[in-house]
C-alpha cells in the first residue's frame, strides 16, 4: 500500500479559492487542474484533470456557507483522489463547519461534528489540517491525525503594537474566557469578562461586566462571529460601562443572517479577522481588517509533506 506521495499536489474546491491560491504561491507551486461544478439536477460534479497517481494531495476547502455544498465538494474530491490512486490525501479545512454541534445540548439531538468527521474519514482522507476548532475535543472525533492550527499568533502580532496601560482584553461570554485569557497573557494585558444570559439561540442578554473597563480601549476576542449578536451587544455593554474604544477580533467570520446590519450600527471601531472564510464583497465593511493565514497553512502543508514535526508551527 502506498503511504506517501512522491510529489506534492494542491487542489481546491470553490469555497475559498483566494486562500488556496495564496497558499500555492507561498509553496512556489500552482493549484492542480480540477473541475468542480454541478450537474443540471444540482448534484456536485468533480473531475480531476491531471494524474495524481502516487502523489501527496492536499485539498483546500472550507466548509462554510453554503455548508452542505462545500462539504459535498470536499468529500467527492477526496473520493476522486483516492480512486485515482493518490498516495496520501490531506483535507485542508481552514474553517470546519458543524463544529458547534459537538455535543448533545438536548435529548434526541445529533452530534453532527462527529458525523462530519466520520464522513471525511470514510471518504478516504488520511489526515486533516484545520484551524481553531470551536471545540478542541473534535480532534478526538477522527480516527486519523488532525492538526488544529492556531490563528491566535496572527492576531497577537497585529495588536501588539497598539498596547498601553489603557488596553484591556475582554471575553464576550463565559465560553470564550480561556481563549481571551490566552490573548491577555500573550499581550500582557488585564482581562475583563462579560457575563450574559442567552434565553434562546442567537439571542443574548448582557447581565454585567466583570472587570474595570471605564476609560479603557477594549479588545473583544472570539473564535467565530456568526450573527454578530454576541460581539455587538458586548460592544454596546462596554460603551455603556464607559469604554472609550472598542476593537474586536475573530478567526472565523461566518457573518450570517443579520450580522452585517448589526455590525454597521455597532460601536465597534475595528474588526480584525482571518481569511479562513472567503467574504463576498457585499459583506466587507470599512471597519474590517482581514489577515492572511496562507503562511501558516503553507508551512503546515510543507511539514506534512516532508514528515517534519508540527511543534515549531504551534510555538
Foldseek 3Di string as FASTA:
>chain_A
DQQAAPAEAEAEDDFFVPLSQLLCVVVVHGHFDKDWDADPVGHIDIDRPDQQARHEYEYEFACAVVNVSRLNSQLVVLLNNVVSHHRAYEYEHAHHPLLVLCDPPDPPRDSVLLVSQVSNVVSPHQEYEYEDRVDPCSCVSHPHYYHHFYPLVVVLVVCLVVDDQQEEEEELEPSCVVVSVVSCVSSVHHYKYFYWDAPDPPRIDTDDIGDQQAQHAYEYEDAEQACNRSVQVSQVRSVVRHHDAYAYEYAYYSNDDNNQVSVVPGRHQAYEYEVSGPDDPVSDDPRYDYDYPSVLVSVVVVCVNVVHDPVVSRD
